[in-house]
Amino acid sequence: MFSRELASHGRAFVNYQALSQVEVKDMTIDGFPAKLFFNPARVRSVMADVSPEALQKRACFLCPDGVEEHQLTHNWDSPTGHTYYIRVNPFPIFSPHFTVSSSVHERQELLPHLESMLHLAKELPEMTIFYNGPMCGASAPDHMHFQAVPRHSLPIEDHFDTNYANAILVQETDLQTHLAAVKKVLAMGTIPEEASQTGSLTAGASHAEEYEPRWNIVSWYEPAQQVDGVPPIGRPYGLLDASLLDIGKFNTIVFFRKESRPQCFFAPEQERILFSPATVEMAGIGIVANRESFDRLTPARLRDIIREVADEIV
């Protein structure tokens, strides 16, 4: 699908070619290995106007009638009963980069689709799946979607530190056990009174007027590996000590957010840094779309921005 779409030489082809020209700046934030990308093609996402007025005026680019010419679609039926459209993201950060959107035009809301996210991670173990909350970087908060990028693209996957961005890591071997554990963590970001009234996690600790707490989520699945040269499928379990078995594992990282954009985004032009943190930024890859912001963003400034937008709830 990816190679076929690029072969059509549409917008995705141009933007994926441009990835080779992206400037990268390595940074260290309190021992955490972050990176800063200067990617002018991402200006549409960095500057996205997600106000209700703007959303009403534009066509949804995730619905079938709004997709760009040359965009291919693969239908994925989740075991939960939901159907999703998998498409090449025409404004990539990584190669490949996919968008996984609901086949129904429904708002960006995690909980009804969290189990599907975990199933997708298991079906695509070579990919990392992430979710931008409606006020945490989603450029289409009116249409439910995830994104998928190659494993190990995000520094947080290999350098997890609970002191970075107030993140919490959940690891379980069973999908349903993992799902319950993630929901328990997400409940830390709700107002108990309102959550109990609605019967779901829909009340944000910092923004009670919003329908969902401000979360960024990263999930991936690590399949079982060979143990003592015996592959996981067909392994004679009864002949091995249980402690030697390498069982597949679900991983989910939850970032709690209090701010959508930092103050520097709205600063006077001579001081402005057009930096709008979403999941990728919280996970260690900063994206800026103009030269001035790329030059102004230092490791110390990036650290301060992450602290500014991260919630102190945990």
C-alpha atoms as a PDB file:
ATOM      1  CA  MET A   1       0.000   0.000   0.000  1.00  0.00           C
ATOM      2  CA  PHE A   2       2.740   2.453   0.994  1.00  0.00           C
ATOM      3  CA  SER A   3       4.867   1.821  -2.105  1.00  0.00           C
ATOM      4  CA  ARG A   4       1.817   1.848  -4.392  1.00  0.00           C
ATOM      5  CA  GLU A   5       0.671   5.232  -3.117  1.00  0.00           C
ATOM      6  CA  LEU A   6       4.109   6.805  -3.454  1.00  0.00           C
ATOM      7  CA  ALA A   7       4.333   5.391  -6.974  1.00  0.00           C
ATOM      8  CA  SER A   8       1.386   7.615  -7.944  1.00  0.00           C
ATOM      9  CA  HIS A   9       3.619  10.677  -7.328  1.00  0.00           C
ATOM     10  CA  GLY A  10       0.922  12.587  -5.436  1.00  0.00           C
ATOM     11  CA  ARG A  11       1.329  14.822  -2.387  1.00  0.00           C
ATOM     12  CA  ALA A  12       2.518  11.934  -0.206  1.00  0.00           C
ATOM     13  CA  PHE A  13       5.340  11.199  -2.670  1.00  0.00           C
ATOM     14  CA  VAL A  14       6.522  14.814  -2.525  1.00  0.00           C
ATOM     15  CA  ASN A  15       6.384  15.016   1.271  1.00  0.00           C
ATOM     16  CA  TYR A  16       8.078  11.655   1.841  1.00  0.00           C
ATOM     17  CA  GLN A  17      10.854  12.719  -0.528  1.00  0.00           C
ATOM     18  CA  ALA A  18      11.202  15.885   1.563  1.00  0.00           C
ATOM     19  CA  LEU A  19      11.847  13.824   4.718  1.00  0.00           C
ATOM     20  CA  SER A  20      15.409  13.296   3.500  1.00  0.00           C
ATOM     21  CA  GLN A  21      15.906  17.070   3.758  1.00  0.00           C
ATOM     22  CA  VAL A  22      14.612  17.397   7.327  1.00  0.00           C
ATOM     23  CA  GLU A  23      17.205  18.920   9.637  1.00  0.00           C
ATOM     24  CA  VAL A  24      17.698  17.120  12.941  1.00  0.00           C
ATOM     25  CA  LYS A  25      19.130  18.501  16.145  1.00  0.00           C
ATOM     26  CA  ASP A  26      20.033  16.037  18.924  1.00  0.00           C
ATOM     27  CA  MET A  27      19.178  17.216  22.434  1.00  0.00           C
ATOM     28  CA  THR A  28      19.458  15.852  25.953  1.00  0.00           C
ATOM     29  CA  ILE A  29      16.809  16.788  28.510  1.00  0.00           C
ATOM     30  CA  ASP A  30      17.811  15.732  32.022  1.00  0.00           C
ATOM     31  CA  GLY A  31      19.450  12.634  30.555  1.00  0.00           C
ATOM     32  CA  PHE A  32      16.609  11.905  28.129  1.00  0.00           C
ATOM     33  CA  PRO A  33      17.733  11.701  24.464  1.00  0.00           C
ATOM     34  CA  ALA A  34      15.352  13.953  22.535  1.00  0.00           C
ATOM     35  CA  LYS A  35      15.507  15.209  18.939  1.00  0.00           C
ATOM     36  CA  LEU A  36      14.279  18.332  17.188  1.00  0.00           C
ATOM     37  CA  PHE A  37      13.100  18.141  13.559  1.00  0.00           C
ATOM     38  CA  PHE A  38      12.852  21.130  11.218  1.00  0.00           C
ATOM     39  CA  ASN A  39      10.133  19.945   8.842  1.00  0.00           C
ATOM     40  CA  PRO A  40       8.447  22.744   6.838  1.00  0.00           C
ATOM     41  CA  ALA A  41       5.916  20.284   5.386  1.00  0.00           C
ATOM     42  CA  ARG A  42       4.378  19.889   8.857  1.00  0.00           C
ATOM     43  CA  VAL A  43       3.242  23.518   9.032  1.00  0.00           C
ATOM     44  CA  ARG A  44      -0.371  22.437   8.405  1.00  0.00           C
ATOM     45  CA  SER A  45      -0.369  20.330  11.576  1.00  0.00           C
ATOM     46  CA  VAL A  46       1.676  22.695  13.753  1.00  0.00           C
ATOM     47  CA  MET A  47      -0.577  25.655  12.919  1.00  0.00           C
ATOM     48  CA  ALA A  48      -3.867  23.735  12.766  1.00  0.00           C
ATOM     49  CA  ASP A  49      -6.911  25.748  13.856  1.00  0.00           C
ATOM     50  CA  VAL A  50      -9.061  23.255  15.770  1.00  0.00           C
ATOM     51  CA  SER A  51     -11.654  25.684  17.042  1.00  0.00           C
ATOM     52  CA  PRO A  52     -15.291  24.551  16.594  1.00  0.00           C
ATOM     53  CA  GLU A  53     -15.823  27.369  14.092  1.00  0.00           C
ATOM     54  CA  ALA A  54     -12.886  26.289  11.926  1.00  0.00           C
ATOM     55  CA  LEU A  55     -13.919  22.633  12.014  1.00  0.00           C
ATOM     56  CA  GLN A  56     -17.418  23.493  10.839  1.00  0.00           C
ATOM     57  CA  LYS A  57     -16.080  25.427   7.852  1.00  0.00           C
ATOM     58  CA  ARG A  58     -13.724  22.777   6.468  1.00  0.00           C
ATOM     59  CA  ALA A  59     -14.395  19.400   4.902  1.00  0.00           C
ATOM     60  CA  CYS A  60     -13.204  16.438   6.974  1.00  0.00           C
ATOM     61  CA  PHE A  61     -10.024  15.111   5.371  1.00  0.00           C
ATOM     62  CA  LEU A  62     -10.442  11.719   7.079  1.00  0.00           C
ATOM     63  CA  CYS A  63     -13.878  10.994   5.608  1.00  0.00           C
ATOM     64  CA  PRO A  64     -14.096   9.209   2.223  1.00  0.00           C
ATOM     65  CA  ASP A  65     -15.322  12.360   0.459  1.00  0.00           C
ATOM     66  CA  GLY A  66     -12.467  14.443   1.831  1.00  0.00           C
ATOM     67  CA  VAL A  67      -9.396  12.313   1.142  1.00  0.00           C
ATOM     68  CA  GLU A  68      -6.850  13.693  -1.262  1.00  0.00           C
ATOM     69  CA  GLU A  69      -6.322  12.415  -4.770  1.00  0.00           C
ATOM     70  CA  HIS A  70      -4.025   9.367  -4.899  1.00  0.00           C
ATOM     71  CA  GLN A  71      -4.788   8.380  -1.277  1.00  0.00           C
ATOM     72  CA  LEU A  72      -5.378   4.650  -0.979  1.00  0.00           C
ATOM     73  CA  THR A  73      -7.536   3.119   1.737  1.00  0.00           C
ATOM     74  CA  HIS A  74      -7.266  -0.238   3.496  1.00  0.00           C
ATOM     75  CA  ASN A  75     -10.251  -1.274   5.624  1.00  0.00           C
ATOM     76  CA  TRP A  76      -9.350  -2.831   8.980  1.00  0.00           C
ATOM     77  CA  ASP A  77     -12.052  -4.598  10.986  1.00  0.00           C
ATOM     78  CA  SER A  78     -11.179  -4.561  14.667  1.00  0.00           C
ATOM     79  CA  PRO A  79     -12.196  -7.566  16.813  1.00  0.00           C
ATOM     80  CA  THR A  80     -14.243  -5.031  18.813  1.00  0.00           C
ATOM     81  CA  GLY A  81     -16.636  -4.575  15.881  1.00  0.00           C
ATOM     82  CA  HIS A  82     -15.347  -1.160  14.821  1.00  0.00           C
ATOM     83  CA  THR A  83     -14.073  -0.610  11.277  1.00  0.00           C
ATOM     84  CA  TYR A  84     -11.178   1.733  10.495  1.00  0.00           C
ATOM     85  CA  TYR A  85      -9.552   3.198   7.393  1.00  0.00           C
ATOM     86  CA  ILE A  86      -5.783   2.825   7.219  1.00  0.00           C
ATOM     87  CA  ARG A  87      -4.140   5.373   4.918  1.00  0.00           C
ATOM     88  CA  VAL A  88      -0.670   6.739   4.254  1.00  0.00           C
ATOM     89  CA  ASN A  89      -0.287  10.018   6.129  1.00  0.00           C
ATOM     90  CA  PRO A  90       0.396  12.645   3.416  1.00  0.00           C
ATOM     91  CA  PHE A  91       2.153  14.889   5.966  1.00  0.00           C
ATOM     92  CA  PRO A  92       4.645  12.432   7.499  1.00  0.00           C
ATOM     93  CA  ILE A  93       7.065  12.705  10.369  1.00  0.00           C
ATOM     94  CA  PHE A  94       8.507   9.226   9.794  1.00  0.00           C
ATOM     95  CA  SER A  95       8.642   6.799   6.895  1.00  0.00           C
ATOM     96  CA  PRO A  96       6.277   5.062   6.707  1.00  0.00           C
ATOM     97  CA  HIS A  97       3.607   6.955   8.630  1.00  0.00           C
ATOM     98  CA  PHE A  98      -0.043   5.874   8.623  1.00  0.00           C
ATOM     99  CA  THR A  99      -3.338   7.326   9.838  1.00  0.00           C
ATOM    100  CA  VAL A 100      -5.933   4.893  11.202  1.00  0.00           C
ATOM    101  CA  SER A 101      -9.321   6.598  11.263  1.00  0.00           C
ATOM    102  CA  SER A 102     -12.796   5.455  12.226  1.00  0.00           C
ATOM    103  CA  SER A 103     -15.023   4.584   9.284  1.00  0.00           C
ATOM    104  CA  VAL A 104     -17.682   6.685  11.028  1.00  0.00           C
ATOM    105  CA  HIS A 105     -17.371  10.456  11.388  1.00  0.00           C
ATOM    106  CA  GLU A 106     -17.238  10.657  15.184  1.00  0.00           C
ATOM    107  CA  ARG A 107     -15.282  12.866  17.550  1.00  0.00           C
ATOM    108  CA  GLN A 108     -11.788  12.095  18.775  1.00  0.00           C
ATOM    109  CA  GLU A 109     -12.461  10.112  21.949  1.00  0.00           C
ATOM    110  CA  LEU A 110     -10.161   7.410  23.249  1.00  0.00           C
ATOM    111  CA  LEU A 111     -12.134   5.105  25.520  1.00  0.00           C
ATOM    112  CA  PRO A 112     -14.576   3.679  22.957  1.00  0.00           C
ATOM    113  CA  HIS A 113     -11.567   2.824  20.779  1.00  0.00           C
ATOM    114  CA  LEU A 114      -8.824   1.989  23.286  1.00  0.00           C
ATOM    115  CA  GLU A 115      -9.276  -1.779  22.952  1.00  0.00           C
ATOM    116  CA  SER A 116      -9.069  -1.459  19.153  1.00  0.00           C
ATOM    117  CA  MET A 117      -5.825   0.467  19.589  1.00  0.00           C
ATOM    118  CA  LEU A 118      -4.356  -2.470  21.520  1.00  0.00           C
ATOM    119  CA  HIS A 119      -5.578  -5.016  18.966  1.00  0.00           C
ATOM    120  CA  LEU A 120      -3.975  -2.933  16.220  1.00  0.00           C
ATOM    121  CA  ALA A 121      -0.691  -2.804  18.126  1.00  0.00           C
ATOM    122  CA  LYS A 122      -0.677  -6.603  18.375  1.00  0.00           C
ATOM    123  CA  GLU A 123      -1.551  -7.042  14.694  1.00  0.00           C
ATOM    124  CA  LEU A 124       1.213  -4.601  13.708  1.00  0.00           C
ATOM    125  CA  PRO A 125       4.087  -5.408  16.092  1.00  0.00           C
ATOM    126  CA  GLU A 126       6.536  -3.624  13.799  1.00  0.00           C
ATOM    127  CA  MET A 127       4.633  -0.363  14.386  1.00  0.00           C
ATOM    128  CA  THR A 128       4.003   1.953  17.334  1.00  0.00           C
ATOM    129  CA  ILE A 129       0.434   3.258  17.619  1.00  0.00           C
ATOM    130  CA  PHE A 130      -0.282   6.651  19.150  1.00  0.00           C
ATOM    131  CA  TYR A 131      -3.258   8.848  19.981  1.00  0.00           C
ATOM    132  CA  ASN A 132      -3.484  12.646  20.133  1.00  0.00           C
ATOM    133  CA  GLY A 133      -6.249  13.919  22.383  1.00  0.00           C
ATOM    134  CA  PRO A 134      -8.741  16.445  20.956  1.00  0.00           C
ATOM    135  CA  MET A 135      -6.917  19.266  22.756  1.00  0.00           C
ATOM    136  CA  CYS A 136      -3.484  17.627  22.763  1.00  0.00           C
ATOM    137  CA  GLY A 137      -2.267  17.877  19.191  1.00  0.00           C
ATOM    138  CA  ALA A 138      -5.053  16.327  17.123  1.00  0.00           C
ATOM    139  CA  SER A 139      -5.448  18.273  13.885  1.00  0.00           C
ATOM    140  CA  ALA A 140      -8.779  16.485  13.277  1.00  0.00           C
ATOM    141  CA  PRO A 141     -10.513  16.398  16.688  1.00  0.00           C
ATOM    142  CA  ASP A 142     -13.828  15.946  14.898  1.00  0.00           C
ATOM    143  CA  HIS A 143     -12.879  12.523  13.480  1.00  0.00           C
ATOM    144  CA  MET A 144     -11.576   9.663  15.624  1.00  0.00           C
ATOM    145  CA  HIS A 145      -8.116   8.457  14.557  1.00  0.00           C
ATOM    146  CA  PHE A 146      -4.832   6.929  15.635  1.00  0.00           C
ATOM    147  CA  GLN A 147      -1.456   7.102  13.923  1.00  0.00           C
ATOM    148  CA  ALA A 148       1.095   4.358  13.302  1.00  0.00           C
ATOM    149  CA  VAL A 149       4.854   4.781  12.862  1.00  0.00           C
ATOM    150  CA  PRO A 150       7.799   2.348  12.846  1.00  0.00           C
ATOM    151  CA  ARG A 151       8.826   0.881  16.209  1.00  0.00           C
ATOM    152  CA  HIS A 152      11.628   2.693  18.019  1.00  0.00           C
ATOM    153  CA  SER A 153      10.837   5.961  16.201  1.00  0.00           C
ATOM    154  CA  LEU A 154       9.976   7.614  19.525  1.00  0.00           C
ATOM    155  CA  PRO A 155      12.773   7.931  22.123  1.00  0.00           C
ATOM    156  CA  ILE A 156      10.328   7.240  24.975  1.00  0.00           C
ATOM    157  CA  GLU A 157       9.981   3.625  23.779  1.00  0.00           C
ATOM    158  CA  ASP A 158      13.603   2.827  24.598  1.00  0.00           C
ATOM    159  CA  HIS A 159      14.386   5.446  27.232  1.00  0.00           C
ATOM    160  CA  PHE A 160      11.369   5.512  29.512  1.00  0.00           C
ATOM    161  CA  ASP A 161      11.783   7.720  32.562  1.00  0.00           C
ATOM    162  CA  THR A 162       8.870   8.635  34.822  1.00  0.00           C
ATOM    163  CA  ASN A 163      10.550  11.987  35.495  1.00  0.00           C
ATOM    164  CA  TYR A 164      10.127  12.929  31.843  1.00  0.00           C
ATOM    165  CA  ALA A 165       6.809  14.589  30.927  1.00  0.00           C
ATOM    166  CA  ASN A 166       4.957  12.944  33.838  1.00  0.00           C
ATOM    167  CA  ALA A 167       4.507   9.740  31.873  1.00  0.00           C
ATOM    168  CA  ILE A 168       3.225   6.425  33.248  1.00  0.00           C
ATOM    169  CA  LEU A 169       4.145   3.099  31.635  1.00  0.00           C
ATOM    170  CA  VAL A 170       1.766   0.115  31.777  1.00  0.00           C
ATOM    171  CA  GLN A 171       3.003  -3.369  30.781  1.00  0.00           C
ATOM    172  CA  GLU A 172       0.932  -6.566  30.718  1.00  0.00           C
ATOM    173  CA  THR A 173       0.990  -9.823  28.752  1.00  0.00           C
ATOM    174  CA  ASP A 174      -2.794 -10.230  28.403  1.00  0.00           C
ATOM    175  CA  LEU A 175      -4.803  -7.753  26.320  1.00  0.00           C
ATOM    176  CA  GLN A 176      -7.826  -7.517  28.615  1.00  0.00           C
ATOM    177  CA  THR A 177      -5.633  -7.239  31.714  1.00  0.00           C
ATOM    178  CA  HIS A 178      -3.642  -4.522  29.998  1.00  0.00           C
ATOM    179  CA  LEU A 179      -6.804  -2.709  28.926  1.00  0.00           C
ATOM    180  CA  ALA A 180      -8.082  -2.661  32.519  1.00  0.00           C
ATOM    181  CA  ALA A 181      -4.720  -1.446  33.814  1.00  0.00           C
ATOM    182  CA  VAL A 182      -4.553   1.399  31.280  1.00  0.00           C
ATOM    183  CA  LYS A 183      -8.099   2.471  32.147  1.00  0.00           C
ATOM    184  CA  LYS A 184      -7.107   2.553  35.800  1.00  0.00           C
ATOM    185  CA  VAL A 185      -4.227   4.887  34.968  1.00  0.00           C
ATOM    186  CA  LEU A 186      -6.460   7.066  32.801  1.00  0.00           C
ATOM    187  CA  ALA A 187      -8.885   7.366  35.722  1.00  0.00           C
ATOM    188  CA  MET A 188      -6.187   9.343  37.530  1.00  0.00           C
ATOM    189  CA  GLY A 189      -6.925  12.133  35.060  1.00  0.00           C
ATOM    190  CA  THR A 190     -10.624  12.456  35.857  1.00  0.00           C
ATOM    191  CA  ILE A 191     -12.716  14.349  38.360  1.00  0.00           C
ATOM    192  CA  PRO A 192     -14.215  11.523  40.470  1.00  0.00           C
ATOM    193  CA  GLU A 193     -17.620  13.193  41.015  1.00  0.00           C
ATOM    194  CA  GLU A 194     -18.259  13.817  37.332  1.00  0.00           C
ATOM    195  CA  ALA A 195     -16.776  10.479  36.276  1.00  0.00           C
ATOM    196  CA  SER A 196     -19.125   8.648  38.635  1.00  0.00           C
ATOM    197  CA  GLN A 197     -22.117  10.597  37.343  1.00  0.00           C
ATOM    198  CA  THR A 198     -21.432   9.827  33.699  1.00  0.00           C
ATOM    199  CA  GLY A 199     -20.188   6.284  34.224  1.00  0.00           C
ATOM    200  CA  SER A 200     -17.138   6.952  32.032  1.00  0.00           C
ATOM    201  CA  LEU A 201     -13.834   8.785  32.165  1.00  0.00           C
ATOM    202  CA  THR A 202     -15.037  12.006  30.566  1.00  0.00           C
ATOM    203  CA  ALA A 203     -14.115  14.748  33.006  1.00  0.00           C
ATOM    204  CA  GLY A 204     -10.706  16.391  32.714  1.00  0.00           C
ATOM    205  CA  ALA A 205      -8.902  17.277  35.923  1.00  0.00           C
ATOM    206  CA  SER A 206      -7.753  20.644  34.560  1.00  0.00           C
ATOM    207  CA  HIS A 207     -10.495  21.307  32.000  1.00  0.00           C
ATOM    208  CA  ALA A 208     -13.829  20.033  33.295  1.00  0.00           C
ATOM    209  CA  GLU A 209     -15.706  21.702  30.441  1.00  0.00           C
ATOM    210  CA  GLU A 210     -14.105  19.331  27.925  1.00  0.00           C
ATOM    211  CA  TYR A 211     -15.532  15.882  27.180  1.00  0.00           C
ATOM    212  CA  GLU A 212     -12.202  14.064  27.606  1.00  0.00           C
ATOM    213  CA  PRO A 213      -9.172  14.621  29.839  1.00  0.00           C
ATOM    214  CA  ARG A 214      -6.057  15.793  28.048  1.00  0.00           C
ATOM    215  CA  TRP A 215      -4.091  12.661  27.218  1.00  0.00           C
ATOM    216  CA  ASN A 216      -1.384  11.609  24.789  1.00  0.00           C
ATOM    217  CA  ILE A 217      -1.087   7.825  24.442  1.00  0.00           C
ATOM    218  CA  VAL A 218       1.592   5.552  22.945  1.00  0.00           C
ATOM    219  CA  SER A 219       1.086   1.764  22.593  1.00  0.00           C
ATOM    220  CA  TRP A 220       3.105  -1.067  21.104  1.00  0.00           C
ATOM    221  CA  TYR A 221       3.302  -4.828  21.348  1.00  0.00           C
ATOM    222  CA  GLU A 222       6.439  -6.909  21.788  1.00  0.00           C
ATOM    223  CA  PRO A 223       5.883 -10.437  20.410  1.00  0.00           C
ATOM    224  CA  ALA A 224       7.300 -13.504  22.126  1.00  0.00           C
ATOM    225  CA  GLN A 225      10.896 -14.161  21.150  1.00  0.00           C
ATOM    226  CA  GLN A 226      12.906 -17.340  20.869  1.00  0.00           C
ATOM    227  CA  VAL A 227      14.084 -18.796  24.167  1.00  0.00           C
ATOM    228  CA  ASP A 228      17.107 -21.104  24.125  1.00  0.00           C
ATOM    229  CA  GLY A 229      16.730 -21.372  20.356  1.00  0.00           C
ATOM    230  CA  VAL A 230      13.127 -22.625  20.541  1.00  0.00           C
ATOM    231  CA  PRO A 231      10.639 -20.423  18.614  1.00  0.00           C
ATOM    232  CA  PRO A 232       7.473 -19.318  20.458  1.00  0.00           C
ATOM    233  CA  ILE A 233       5.093 -21.186  18.128  1.00  0.00           C
ATOM    234  CA  GLY A 234       5.277 -24.921  18.733  1.00  0.00           C
ATOM    235  CA  ARG A 235       7.511 -24.482  21.781  1.00  0.00           C
ATOM    236  CA  PRO A 236       7.291 -27.542  24.083  1.00  0.00           C
ATOM    237  CA  TYR A 237       6.113 -25.590  27.119  1.00  0.00           C
ATOM    238  CA  GLY A 238       5.898 -28.623  29.345  1.00  0.00           C
ATOM    239  CA  LEU A 239       9.593 -29.294  28.866  1.00  0.00           C
ATOM    240  CA  LEU A 240      10.752 -25.795  29.847  1.00  0.00           C
ATOM    241  CA  ASP A 241      10.859 -24.036  33.152  1.00  0.00           C
ATOM    242  CA  ALA A 242       8.038 -21.441  33.085  1.00  0.00           C
ATOM    243  CA  SER A 243      10.502 -18.742  34.142  1.00  0.00           C
ATOM    244  CA  LEU A 244      12.365 -19.220  30.842  1.00  0.00           C
ATOM    245  CA  LEU A 245       9.327 -18.510  28.670  1.00  0.00           C
ATOM    246  CA  ASP A 246       9.374 -15.204  26.846  1.00  0.00           C
ATOM    247  CA  ILE A 247       5.740 -14.124  26.556  1.00  0.00           C
ATOM    248  CA  GLY A 248       4.523 -11.321  24.304  1.00  0.00           C
ATOM    249  CA  LYS A 249       3.896  -8.016  26.076  1.00  0.00           C
ATOM    250  CA  PHE A 250       1.638  -4.976  25.635  1.00  0.00           C
ATOM    251  CA  ASN A 251       3.146  -1.576  26.429  1.00  0.00           C
ATOM    252  CA  THR A 252       1.221   1.675  26.837  1.00  0.00           C
ATOM    253  CA  ILE A 253       2.551   5.054  27.941  1.00  0.00           C
ATOM    254  CA  VAL A 254       0.140   7.715  29.158  1.00  0.00           C
ATOM    255  CA  PHE A 255       1.075  11.404  29.163  1.00  0.00           C
ATOM    256  CA  PHE A 256      -1.184  13.683  31.178  1.00  0.00           C
ATOM    257  CA  ARG A 257      -1.581  17.211  29.801  1.00  0.00           C
ATOM    258  CA  LYS A 258      -2.793  20.504  31.250  1.00  0.00           C
ATOM    259  CA  GLU A 259      -2.085  22.846  28.328  1.00  0.00           C
ATOM    260  CA  SER A 260      -2.715  22.452  24.613  1.00  0.00           C
ATOM    261  CA  ARG A 261      -0.022  24.881  23.476  1.00  0.00           C
ATOM    262  CA  PRO A 262       2.789  26.642  25.398  1.00  0.00           C
ATOM    263  CA  GLN A 263       2.943  30.405  25.897  1.00  0.00           C
ATOM    264  CA  CYS A 264       5.838  30.739  23.437  1.00  0.00           C
ATOM    265  CA  PHE A 265       3.416  29.801  20.639  1.00  0.00           C
ATOM    266  CA  PHE A 266       1.528  33.062  21.272  1.00  0.00           C
ATOM    267  CA  ALA A 267       4.534  35.272  22.094  1.00  0.00           C
ATOM    268  CA  PRO A 268       5.456  38.412  20.107  1.00  0.00           C
ATOM    269  CA  GLU A 269       7.001  37.603  16.727  1.00  0.00           C
ATOM    270  CA  GLN A 270      10.581  38.303  17.809  1.00  0.00           C
ATOM    271  CA  GLU A 271      10.250  35.720  20.619  1.00  0.00           C
ATOM    272  CA  ARG A 272       7.703  33.314  19.165  1.00  0.00           C
ATOM    273  CA  ILE A 273       8.409  29.593  18.925  1.00  0.00           C
ATOM    274  CA  LEU A 274       5.797  27.824  16.783  1.00  0.00           C
ATOM    275  CA  PHE A 275       5.865  24.592  18.722  1.00  0.00           C
ATOM    276  CA  SER A 276       2.605  22.720  19.333  1.00  0.00           C
ATOM    277  CA  PRO A 277       3.271  19.557  21.379  1.00  0.00           C
ATOM    278  CA  ALA A 278       1.369  16.408  20.463  1.00  0.00           C
ATOM    279  CA  THR A 279       2.199  12.781  21.303  1.00  0.00           C
ATOM    280  CA  VAL A 280       5.344  12.727  19.169  1.00  0.00           C
ATOM    281  CA  GLU A 281       6.703  15.799  20.967  1.00  0.00           C
ATOM    282  CA  MET A 282       5.827  14.419  24.403  1.00  0.00           C
ATOM    283  CA  ALA A 283       7.604  11.203  23.378  1.00  0.00           C
ATOM    284  CA  GLY A 284      10.874  12.974  22.566  1.00  0.00           C
ATOM    285  CA  ILE A 285      10.658  14.193  18.942  1.00  0.00           C
ATOM    286  CA  GLY A 286      10.061  17.938  18.654  1.00  0.00           C
ATOM    287  CA  ILE A 287       8.654  19.179  15.331  1.00  0.00           C
ATOM    288  CA  VAL A 288       8.910  22.781  14.132  1.00  0.00           C
ATOM    289  CA  ALA A 289       7.957  24.057  10.703  1.00  0.00           C
ATOM    290  CA  ASN A 290       9.902  27.317  10.480  1.00  0.00           C
ATOM    291  CA  ARG A 291      13.587  28.173  10.711  1.00  0.00           C
ATOM    292  CA  GLU A 292      13.250  30.773  13.465  1.00  0.00           C
ATOM    293  CA  SER A 293      11.606  28.322  15.840  1.00  0.00           C
ATOM    294  CA  PHE A 294      14.204  25.655  15.042  1.00  0.00           C
ATOM    295  CA  ASP A 295      17.033  28.063  15.897  1.00  0.00           C
ATOM    296  CA  ARG A 296      15.380  29.386  19.067  1.00  0.00           C
ATOM    297  CA  LEU A 297      14.459  26.025  20.575  1.00  0.00           C
ATOM    298  CA  THR A 298      17.296  24.933  22.883  1.00  0.00           C
ATOM    299  CA  PRO A 299      17.332  21.832  25.116  1.00  0.00           C
ATOM    300  CA  ALA A 300      16.548  23.977  28.156  1.00  0.00           C
ATOM    301  CA  ARG A 301      13.663  25.683  26.355  1.00  0.00           C
ATOM    302  CA  LEU A 302      12.280  22.358  25.148  1.00  0.00           C
ATOM    303  CA  ARG A 303      12.451  20.980  28.686  1.00  0.00           C
ATOM    304  CA  ASP A 304      10.580  24.022  30.024  1.00  0.00           C
ATOM    305  CA  ILE A 305       7.889  23.713  27.343  1.00  0.00           C
ATOM    306  CA  ILE A 306       7.283  20.035  28.123  1.00  0.00           C
ATOM    307  CA  ARG A 307       7.014  20.881  31.818  1.00  0.00           C
ATOM    308  CA  GLU A 308       4.625  23.721  30.999  1.00  0.00           C
ATOM    309  CA  VAL A 309       2.157  21.560  29.095  1.00  0.00           C
ATOM    310  CA  ALA A 310       2.479  18.373  31.199  1.00  0.00           C
ATOM    311  CA  ASP A 311      -0.010  17.904  34.041  1.00  0.00           C
ATOM    312  CA  GLU A 312       1.141  17.440  37.612  1.00  0.00           C
ATOM    313  CA  ILE A 313      -1.629  14.965  38.342  1.00  0.00           C
ATOM    314  CA  VAL A 314       0.748  12.039  38.732  1.00  0.00           C
END
